[in-house]
Amino acid sequence: MHALAPWIAQHGYAALAIGALLEGETMLLLAGAAAHDGLLQWPWVVAIAALAGFAGDTLLFALGRWQSPRVFARWPMLATRVRPRIDGWLARHAGLTVVGVRFAYGLRVAGPLVLGTTSLRWPRFVAFNALGALAWAATFAGLGALLGEAALPVLHALERFGGELLPPLALLAAVFAVRVWQRSVDEPSSMAPPDRASEGRKGRPSGFP
């Protein structure tokens, strides 16, 4: 039995709400297992977990939006070089990104924070965040209800896989950031002032200096 199982048995939906807001999949699987044993009602498990997950990611998105001016003031290159690329991606794949972040182990906190610093509009984030929270809650609560506590090894495997995958992803992100920085340094700025001396020589007769 998982160490959090007695907490679910004792506090029920309140424990689920706190767990889904803070910890995530383990608590949701245990709540699904409790629904499998008749201690909780599966529809309520899904609804409460989805609402708590939605609220948590919305708060993180708001925090990112609130702090983004300070971040961009400290690192202007993020606003001029990096953010336009992310915005271009989100313009094409906003739904996939917002929903995918909820299922991405290791990005549950960082993902909504980063999205908050982009130009992604509130209505789009809220809509896709609600869809992602509902899909996430139904998936893991359903897995717990279907398999009971036997679903916990599945979660542990996912966590182990995510833990092994996160360092390479972080390395790739670092390499990407360095490449963007190098390009921003190497490329001439399109906003550079024109050469007044050369402009002055243009159009003069060839006999004049």
Foldseek 3Di string as FASTA:
>chain_A
DDPCLVVCLVVPLVVLLVCLLPPNLVSLLSNLLCVLVVSDPLVSSLVSSLVSLLVNLVVLLVVLLVCLVVVCVVPVCCVVFVQVVVQVVCVPQVLVQLLVQCVQPPNSRVSSSVNSNHPDDPVSNSVSSSVSSSVRSCVSSVLSSVQPCVCVVVVVVVNVVNVVPVVVVVVVVVVVVVVRVVCVVPDDDPPDDDDPVVVVVPPDPPVDD
